[in-house]
Amino acid sequence: MILSMSGKGNCYDNAVVESFFHSLKTEHTNFCKFKTKEEAMDSLFAYIEVFYHKKRSHFTLGYVSSQEFETKWMNQQNMRVLAV
């Protein structure tokens, strides 16, 4: 396996992950103080699975949540299959 990583400080090599971590830091972790590793893990899980995927609107998805976008896409695929 060959890693595709550029030098330190080049955020454009992995823009999707950089964007996610920016959102995570500015919307969540910068405002939190965790006492234990487990508390941090629970909080991060809730942010990602409850808020980020299900509720947070995403610019690149037309300002809908990831879950809503996926549901709409699956419905469109089902309609295409039924139309054939």
PDB file of N, CA and C in Angstrom:
ATOM      1  N   MET A   1       0.837  -1.162   0.000  1.00  0.00           N
ATOM      2  CA  MET A   1       0.000   0.000   0.000  1.00  0.00           C
ATOM      3  C   MET A   1       0.891   1.238   0.000  1.00  0.00           C
ATOM      4  N   ILE A   2       0.561   2.188  -0.860  1.00  0.00           N
ATOM      5  CA  ILE A   2       1.317   3.430  -0.937  1.00  0.00           C
ATOM      6  C   ILE A   2       0.459   4.549  -0.355  1.00  0.00           C
ATOM      7  N   LEU A   3       0.989   5.236   0.639  1.00  0.00           N
ATOM      8  CA  LEU A   3       0.267   6.337   1.253  1.00  0.00           C
ATOM      9  C   LEU A   3       0.298   7.558   0.349  1.00  0.00           C
ATOM     10  N   SER A   4      -0.800   8.257   0.290  1.00  0.00           N
ATOM     11  CA  SER A   4      -0.881   9.482  -0.495  1.00  0.00           C
ATOM     12  C   SER A   4      -0.916  10.659   0.465  1.00  0.00           C
ATOM     13  N   MET A   5       0.221  11.044   0.922  1.00  0.00           N
ATOM     14  CA  MET A   5       0.293  12.148   1.869  1.00  0.00           C
ATOM     15  C   MET A   5       1.354  13.131   1.401  1.00  0.00           C
ATOM     16  N   SER A   6       1.016  14.385   1.429  1.00  0.00           N
ATOM     17  CA  SER A   6       1.991  15.408   1.081  1.00  0.00           C
ATOM     18  C   SER A   6       2.713  15.849   2.345  1.00  0.00           C
ATOM     19  N   GLY A   7       3.532  16.833   2.199  1.00  0.00           N
ATOM     20  CA  GLY A   7       4.296  17.316   3.333  1.00  0.00           C
ATOM     21  C   GLY A   7       3.441  17.992   4.392  1.00  0.00           C
ATOM     22  N   LYS A   8       4.025  18.205   5.532  1.00  0.00           N
ATOM     23  CA  LYS A   8       3.348  18.851   6.652  1.00  0.00           C
ATOM     24  C   LYS A   8       2.859  20.237   6.232  1.00  0.00           C
ATOM     25  N   GLY A   9       1.637  20.552   6.634  1.00  0.00           N
ATOM     26  CA  GLY A   9       1.101  21.875   6.344  1.00  0.00           C
ATOM     27  C   GLY A   9       0.351  21.991   5.040  1.00  0.00           C
ATOM     28  N   ASN A  10       0.230  20.896   4.273  1.00  0.00           N
ATOM     29  CA  ASN A  10      -0.510  20.938   3.013  1.00  0.00           C
ATOM     30  C   ASN A  10      -1.891  20.334   3.239  1.00  0.00           C
ATOM     31  N   CYS A  11      -2.857  21.190   3.549  1.00  0.00           N
ATOM     32  CA  CYS A  11      -4.194  20.704   3.887  1.00  0.00           C
ATOM     33  C   CYS A  11      -4.973  20.248   2.661  1.00  0.00           C
ATOM     34  N   TYR A  12      -4.502  20.564   1.461  1.00  0.00           N
ATOM     35  CA  TYR A  12      -5.255  20.245   0.246  1.00  0.00           C
ATOM     36  C   TYR A  12      -5.145  18.782  -0.157  1.00  0.00           C
ATOM     37  N   ASP A  13      -4.191  18.048   0.397  1.00  0.00           N
ATOM     38  CA  ASP A  13      -4.018  16.643   0.053  1.00  0.00           C
ATOM     39  C   ASP A  13      -5.186  15.805   0.555  1.00  0.00           C
ATOM     40  N   ASN A  14      -5.790  16.212   1.647  1.00  0.00           N
ATOM     41  CA  ASN A  14      -6.899  15.461   2.220  1.00  0.00           C
ATOM     42  C   ASN A  14      -7.966  16.445   2.698  1.00  0.00           C
ATOM     43  N   ALA A  15      -8.519  17.196   1.760  1.00  0.00           N
ATOM     44  CA  ALA A  15      -9.421  18.298   2.079  1.00  0.00           C
ATOM     45  C   ALA A  15     -10.679  17.851   2.811  1.00  0.00           C
ATOM     46  N   VAL A  16     -11.207  16.678   2.488  1.00  0.00           N
ATOM     47  CA  VAL A  16     -12.434  16.208   3.133  1.00  0.00           C
ATOM     48  C   VAL A  16     -12.210  16.004   4.631  1.00  0.00           C
ATOM     49  N   VAL A  17     -11.134  15.344   4.980  1.00  0.00           N
ATOM     50  CA  VAL A  17     -10.843  15.091   6.395  1.00  0.00           C
ATOM     51  C   VAL A  17     -10.488  16.391   7.110  1.00  0.00           C
ATOM     52  N   GLU A  18      -9.735  17.260   6.442  1.00  0.00           N
ATOM     53  CA  GLU A  18      -9.406  18.555   7.029  1.00  0.00           C
ATOM     54  C   GLU A  18     -10.675  19.344   7.329  1.00  0.00           C
ATOM     55  N   SER A  19     -11.631  19.312   6.419  1.00  0.00           N
ATOM     56  CA  SER A  19     -12.900  20.013   6.608  1.00  0.00           C
ATOM     57  C   SER A  19     -13.670  19.434   7.790  1.00  0.00           C
ATOM     58  N   PHE A  20     -13.711  18.101   7.877  1.00  0.00           N
ATOM     59  CA  PHE A  20     -14.405  17.459   8.995  1.00  0.00           C
ATOM     60  C   PHE A  20     -13.786  17.858  10.329  1.00  0.00           C
ATOM     61  N   PHE A  21     -12.455  17.773  10.438  1.00  0.00           N
ATOM     62  CA  PHE A  21     -11.812  18.096  11.706  1.00  0.00           C
ATOM     63  C   PHE A  21     -11.963  19.576  12.055  1.00  0.00           C
ATOM     64  N   HIS A  22     -12.008  20.446  11.050  1.00  0.00           N
ATOM     65  CA  HIS A  22     -12.278  21.865  11.310  1.00  0.00           C
ATOM     66  C   HIS A  22     -13.659  22.018  11.945  1.00  0.00           C
ATOM     67  N   SER A  23     -14.657  21.350  11.353  1.00  0.00           N
ATOM     68  CA  SER A  23     -16.018  21.412  11.910  1.00  0.00           C
ATOM     69  C   SER A  23     -16.054  20.844  13.323  1.00  0.00           C
ATOM     70  N   LEU A  24     -15.418  19.714  13.523  1.00  0.00           N
ATOM     71  CA  LEU A  24     -15.392  19.076  14.843  1.00  0.00           C
ATOM     72  C   LEU A  24     -14.805  20.016  15.891  1.00  0.00           C
ATOM     73  N   LYS A  25     -13.695  20.647  15.553  1.00  0.00           N
ATOM     74  CA  LYS A  25     -13.033  21.529  16.517  1.00  0.00           C
ATOM     75  C   LYS A  25     -13.838  22.797  16.780  1.00  0.00           C
ATOM     76  N   THR A  26     -14.316  23.455  15.721  1.00  0.00           N
ATOM     77  CA  THR A  26     -14.994  24.739  15.903  1.00  0.00           C
ATOM     78  C   THR A  26     -16.416  24.602  16.424  1.00  0.00           C
ATOM     79  N   GLU A  27     -17.055  23.465  16.191  1.00  0.00           N
ATOM     80  CA  GLU A  27     -18.434  23.279  16.638  1.00  0.00           C
ATOM     81  C   GLU A  27     -18.547  22.475  17.930  1.00  0.00           C
ATOM     82  N   HIS A  28     -17.480  21.781  18.318  1.00  0.00           N
ATOM     83  CA  HIS A  28     -17.632  20.869  19.455  1.00  0.00           C
ATOM     84  C   HIS A  28     -16.458  20.904  20.434  1.00  0.00           C
ATOM     85  N   THR A  29     -15.332  20.350  20.049  1.00  0.00           N
ATOM     86  CA  THR A  29     -14.267  20.105  21.035  1.00  0.00           C
ATOM     87  C   THR A  29     -13.655  21.370  21.615  1.00  0.00           C
ATOM     88  N   ASN A  30     -13.672  22.486  20.891  1.00  0.00           N
ATOM     89  CA  ASN A  30     -13.113  23.716  21.454  1.00  0.00           C
ATOM     90  C   ASN A  30     -13.918  24.217  22.650  1.00  0.00           C
ATOM     91  N   PHE A  31     -15.133  23.708  22.813  1.00  0.00           N
ATOM     92  CA  PHE A  31     -16.000  24.145  23.899  1.00  0.00           C
ATOM     93  C   PHE A  31     -16.145  23.097  25.002  1.00  0.00           C
ATOM     94  N   CYS A  32     -15.416  22.010  24.901  1.00  0.00           N
ATOM     95  CA  CYS A  32     -15.585  20.893  25.839  1.00  0.00           C
ATOM     96  C   CYS A  32     -14.330  20.664  26.672  1.00  0.00           C
ATOM     97  N   LYS A  33     -14.548  20.256  27.894  1.00  0.00           N
ATOM     98  CA  LYS A  33     -13.473  19.787  28.773  1.00  0.00           C
ATOM     99  C   LYS A  33     -13.854  18.378  29.203  1.00  0.00           C
ATOM    100  N   PHE A  34     -12.991  17.424  28.922  1.00  0.00           N
ATOM    101  CA  PHE A  34     -13.282  16.031  29.238  1.00  0.00           C
ATOM    102  C   PHE A  34     -12.437  15.588  30.429  1.00  0.00           C
ATOM    103  N   LYS A  35     -13.064  14.869  31.347  1.00  0.00           N
ATOM    104  CA  LYS A  35     -12.355  14.373  32.526  1.00  0.00           C
ATOM    105  C   LYS A  35     -11.701  13.026  32.264  1.00  0.00           C
ATOM    106  N   THR A  36     -12.320  12.224  31.390  1.00  0.00           N
ATOM    107  CA  THR A  36     -11.779  10.896  31.098  1.00  0.00           C
ATOM    108  C   THR A  36     -11.780  10.657  29.590  1.00  0.00           C
ATOM    109  N   LYS A  37     -11.008   9.668  29.180  1.00  0.00           N
ATOM    110  CA  LYS A  37     -10.976   9.275  27.777  1.00  0.00           C
ATOM    111  C   LYS A  37     -12.349   8.767  27.341  1.00  0.00           C
ATOM    112  N   GLU A  38     -13.010   8.025  28.200  1.00  0.00           N
ATOM    113  CA  GLU A  38     -14.335   7.483  27.884  1.00  0.00           C
ATOM    114  C   GLU A  38     -15.350   8.600  27.672  1.00  0.00           C
ATOM    115  N   GLU A  39     -15.274   9.636  28.496  1.00  0.00           N
ATOM    116  CA  GLU A  39     -16.173  10.782  28.353  1.00  0.00           C
ATOM    117  C   GLU A  39     -15.939  11.470  27.008  1.00  0.00           C
ATOM    118  N   ALA A  40     -14.685  11.610  26.623  1.00  0.00           N
ATOM    119  CA  ALA A  40     -14.359  12.217  25.333  1.00  0.00           C
ATOM    120  C   ALA A  40     -14.870  11.357  24.187  1.00  0.00           C
ATOM    121  N   MET A  41     -14.680  10.053  24.290  1.00  0.00           N
ATOM    122  CA  MET A  41     -15.135   9.153  23.225  1.00  0.00           C
ATOM    123  C   MET A  41     -16.654   9.175  23.090  1.00  0.00           C
ATOM    124  N   ASP A  42     -17.370   9.185  24.204  1.00  0.00           N
ATOM    125  CA  ASP A  42     -18.836   9.258  24.169  1.00  0.00           C
ATOM    126  C   ASP A  42     -19.301  10.564  23.537  1.00  0.00           C
ATOM    127  N   SER A  43     -18.644  11.642  23.896  1.00  0.00           N
ATOM    128  CA  SER A  43     -19.011  12.947  23.363  1.00  0.00           C
ATOM    129  C   SER A  43     -18.746  13.025  21.860  1.00  0.00           C
ATOM    130  N   LEU A  44     -17.616  12.502  21.426  1.00  0.00           N
ATOM    131  CA  LEU A  44     -17.291  12.501  19.996  1.00  0.00           C
ATOM    132  C   LEU A  44     -18.245  11.615  19.215  1.00  0.00           C
ATOM    133  N   PHE A  45     -18.590  10.466  19.770  1.00  0.00           N
ATOM    134  CA  PHE A  45     -19.549   9.585  19.114  1.00  0.00           C
ATOM    135  C   PHE A  45     -20.884  10.299  18.935  1.00  0.00           C
ATOM    136  N   ALA A  46     -21.352  10.963  19.985  1.00  0.00           N
ATOM    137  CA  ALA A  46     -22.628  11.679  19.907  1.00  0.00           C
ATOM    138  C   ALA A  46     -22.560  12.794  18.872  1.00  0.00           C
ATOM    139  N   TYR A  47     -21.454  13.535  18.836  1.00  0.00           N
ATOM    140  CA  TYR A  47     -21.321  14.615  17.852  1.00  0.00           C
ATOM    141  C   TYR A  47     -21.387  14.063  16.433  1.00  0.00           C
ATOM    142  N   ILE A  48     -20.630  13.003  16.172  1.00  0.00           N
ATOM    143  CA  ILE A  48     -20.548  12.462  14.813  1.00  0.00           C
ATOM    144  C   ILE A  48     -21.831  11.753  14.413  1.00  0.00           C
ATOM    145  N   GLU A  49     -22.297  10.825  15.222  1.00  0.00           N
ATOM    146  CA  GLU A  49     -23.431   9.980  14.832  1.00  0.00           C
ATOM    147  C   GLU A  49     -24.793  10.637  15.033  1.00  0.00           C
ATOM    148  N   VAL A  50     -24.926  11.461  16.062  1.00  0.00           N
ATOM    149  CA  VAL A  50     -26.229  12.070  16.335  1.00  0.00           C
ATOM    150  C   VAL A  50     -26.369  13.414  15.637  1.00  0.00           C
ATOM    151  N   PHE A  51     -25.333  14.243  15.679  1.00  0.00           N
ATOM    152  CA  PHE A  51     -25.447  15.578  15.101  1.00  0.00           C
ATOM    153  C   PHE A  51     -24.898  15.657  13.679  1.00  0.00           C
ATOM    154  N   TYR A  52     -23.619  15.314  13.489  1.00  0.00           N
ATOM    155  CA  TYR A  52     -22.951  15.563  12.208  1.00  0.00           C
ATOM    156  C   TYR A  52     -23.615  14.827  11.052  1.00  0.00           C
ATOM    157  N   HIS A  53     -23.961  13.571  11.220  1.00  0.00           N
ATOM    158  CA  HIS A  53     -24.564  12.793  10.135  1.00  0.00           C
ATOM    159  C   HIS A  53     -26.065  12.992  10.013  1.00  0.00           C
ATOM    160  N   LYS A  54     -26.749  13.192  11.133  1.00  0.00           N
ATOM    161  CA  LYS A  54     -28.214  13.181  11.097  1.00  0.00           C
ATOM    162  C   LYS A  54     -28.861  14.554  11.103  1.00  0.00           C
ATOM    163  N   LYS A  55     -28.195  15.564  11.657  1.00  0.00           N
ATOM    164  CA  LYS A  55     -28.844  16.867  11.799  1.00  0.00           C
ATOM    165  C   LYS A  55     -28.123  18.009  11.091  1.00  0.00           C
ATOM    166  N   ARG A  56     -26.802  17.996  11.067  1.00  0.00           N
ATOM    167  CA  ARG A  56     -26.039  19.119  10.527  1.00  0.00           C
ATOM    168  C   ARG A  56     -26.196  19.200   9.015  1.00  0.00           C
ATOM    169  N   SER A  57     -26.541  20.397   8.524  1.00  0.00           N
ATOM    170  CA  SER A  57     -26.645  20.569   7.074  1.00  0.00           C
ATOM    171  C   SER A  57     -25.243  20.760   6.494  1.00  0.00           C
ATOM    172  N   HIS A  58     -25.046  20.236   5.294  1.00  0.00           N
ATOM    173  CA  HIS A  58     -23.745  20.280   4.639  1.00  0.00           C
ATOM    174  C   HIS A  58     -23.860  21.053   3.329  1.00  0.00           C
ATOM    175  N   PHE A  59     -22.999  22.024   3.143  1.00  0.00           N
ATOM    176  CA  PHE A  59     -23.008  22.855   1.944  1.00  0.00           C
ATOM    177  C   PHE A  59     -22.926  22.018   0.675  1.00  0.00           C
ATOM    178  N   THR A  60     -22.001  21.069   0.642  1.00  0.00           N
ATOM    179  CA  THR A  60     -21.791  20.272  -0.575  1.00  0.00           C
ATOM    180  C   THR A  60     -22.945  19.334  -0.886  1.00  0.00           C
ATOM    181  N   LEU A  61     -23.845  19.132   0.068  1.00  0.00           N
ATOM    182  CA  LEU A  61     -25.006  18.263  -0.156  1.00  0.00           C
ATOM    183  C   LEU A  61     -26.277  19.082  -0.366  1.00  0.00           C
ATOM    184  N   GLY A  62     -26.125  20.362  -0.641  1.00  0.00           N
ATOM    185  CA  GLY A  62     -27.289  21.208  -0.867  1.00  0.00           C
ATOM    186  C   GLY A  62     -27.978  21.619   0.421  1.00  0.00           C
ATOM    187  N   TYR A  63     -27.202  21.774   1.470  1.00  0.00           N
ATOM    188  CA  TYR A  63     -27.704  22.198   2.782  1.00  0.00           C
ATOM    189  C   TYR A  63     -28.719  21.238   3.386  1.00  0.00           C
ATOM    190  N   VAL A  64     -28.484  19.943   3.217  1.00  0.00           N
ATOM    191  CA  VAL A  64     -29.264  18.919   3.909  1.00  0.00           C
ATOM    192  C   VAL A  64     -28.279  18.057   4.693  1.00  0.00           C
ATOM    193  N   SER A  65     -28.788  17.279   5.630  1.00  0.00           N
ATOM    194  CA  SER A  65     -27.912  16.405   6.420  1.00  0.00           C
ATOM    195  C   SER A  65     -27.452  15.227   5.566  1.00  0.00           C
ATOM    196  N   SER A  66     -26.390  14.579   5.997  1.00  0.00           N
ATOM    197  CA  SER A  66     -25.888  13.395   5.287  1.00  0.00           C
ATOM    198  C   SER A  66     -26.958  12.323   5.213  1.00  0.00           C
ATOM    199  N   GLN A  67     -27.662  12.122   6.313  1.00  0.00           N
ATOM    200  CA  GLN A  67     -28.697  11.094   6.356  1.00  0.00           C
ATOM    201  C   GLN A  67     -29.843  11.431   5.399  1.00  0.00           C
ATOM    202  N   GLU A  68     -30.271  12.689   5.376  1.00  0.00           N
ATOM    203  CA  GLU A  68     -31.353  13.098   4.474  1.00  0.00           C
ATOM    204  C   GLU A  68     -30.925  12.957   3.012  1.00  0.00           C
ATOM    205  N   PHE A  69     -29.683  13.333   2.710  1.00  0.00           N
ATOM    206  CA  PHE A  69     -29.167  13.211   1.351  1.00  0.00           C
ATOM    207  C   PHE A  69     -29.153  11.752   0.911  1.00  0.00           C
ATOM    208  N   GLU A  70     -28.673  10.875   1.788  1.00  0.00           N
ATOM    209  CA  GLU A  70     -28.608   9.450   1.459  1.00  0.00           C
ATOM    210  C   GLU A  70     -30.006   8.862   1.268  1.00  0.00           C
ATOM    211  N   THR A  71     -30.941   9.251   2.106  1.00  0.00           N
ATOM    212  CA  THR A  71     -32.318   8.761   1.975  1.00  0.00           C
ATOM    213  C   THR A  71     -32.920   9.195   0.643  1.00  0.00           C
ATOM    214  N   LYS A  72     -32.733  10.468   0.281  1.00  0.00           N
ATOM    215  CA  LYS A  72     -33.249  10.964  -1.003  1.00  0.00           C
ATOM    216  C   LYS A  72     -32.601  10.218  -2.166  1.00  0.00           C
ATOM    217  N   TRP A  73     -31.302   9.987  -2.079  1.00  0.00           N
ATOM    218  CA  TRP A  73     -30.584   9.295  -3.152  1.00  0.00           C
ATOM    219  C   TRP A  73     -31.099   7.864  -3.303  1.00  0.00           C
ATOM    220  N   MET A  74     -31.285   7.177  -2.170  1.00  0.00           N
ATOM    221  CA  MET A  74     -31.794   5.798  -2.226  1.00  0.00           C
ATOM    222  C   MET A  74     -33.199   5.760  -2.817  1.00  0.00           C
ATOM    223  N   ASN A  75     -34.036   6.715  -2.462  1.00  0.00           N
ATOM    224  CA  ASN A  75     -35.384   6.778  -3.029  1.00  0.00           C
ATOM    225  C   ASN A  75     -35.340   6.998  -4.536  1.00  0.00           C
ATOM    226  N   GLN A  76     -34.421   7.845  -4.995  1.00  0.00           N
ATOM    227  CA  GLN A  76     -34.268   8.075  -6.436  1.00  0.00           C
ATOM    228  C   GLN A  76     -33.815   6.802  -7.139  1.00  0.00           C
ATOM    229  N   GLN A  77     -32.898   6.067  -6.514  1.00  0.00           N
ATOM    230  CA  GLN A  77     -32.424   4.822  -7.117  1.00  0.00           C
ATOM    231  C   GLN A  77     -33.559   3.806  -7.203  1.00  0.00           C
ATOM    232  N   ASN A  78     -34.361   3.723  -6.158  1.00  0.00           N
ATOM    233  CA  ASN A  78     -35.496   2.798  -6.163  1.00  0.00           C
ATOM    234  C   ASN A  78     -36.505   3.172  -7.242  1.00  0.00           C
ATOM    235  N   MET A  79     -36.733   4.464  -7.435  1.00  0.00           N
ATOM    236  CA  MET A  79     -37.663   4.915  -8.473  1.00  0.00           C
ATOM    237  C   MET A  79     -37.131   4.556  -9.860  1.00  0.00           C
ATOM    238  N   ARG A  80     -35.810   4.656 -10.054  1.00  0.00           N
ATOM    239  CA  ARG A  80     -35.210   4.292 -11.344  1.00  0.00           C
ATOM    240  C   ARG A  80     -35.377   2.806 -11.620  1.00  0.00           C
ATOM    241  N   VAL A  81     -35.194   1.992 -10.602  1.00  0.00           N
ATOM    242  CA  VAL A  81     -35.339   0.541 -10.760  1.00  0.00           C
ATOM    243  C   VAL A  81     -36.786   0.206 -11.100  1.00  0.00           C
ATOM    244  N   LEU A  82     -37.722   0.842 -10.431  1.00  0.00           N
ATOM    245  CA  LEU A  82     -39.135   0.586 -10.696  1.00  0.00           C
ATOM    246  C   LEU A  82     -39.557   1.066 -12.083  1.00  0.00           C
ATOM    247  N   ALA A  83     -38.884   2.094 -12.593  1.00  0.00           N
ATOM    248  CA  ALA A  83     -39.231   2.646 -13.903  1.00  0.00           C
ATOM    249  C   ALA A  83     -38.736   1.763 -15.045  1.00  0.00           C
ATOM    250  N   VAL A  84     -37.798   0.882 -14.786  1.00  0.00           N
ATOM    251  CA  VAL A  84     -37.225   0.031 -15.843  1.00  0.00           C
ATOM    252  C   VAL A  84     -38.067  -1.153 -16.124  1.00  0.00           C
TER     253      VAL A  84
END
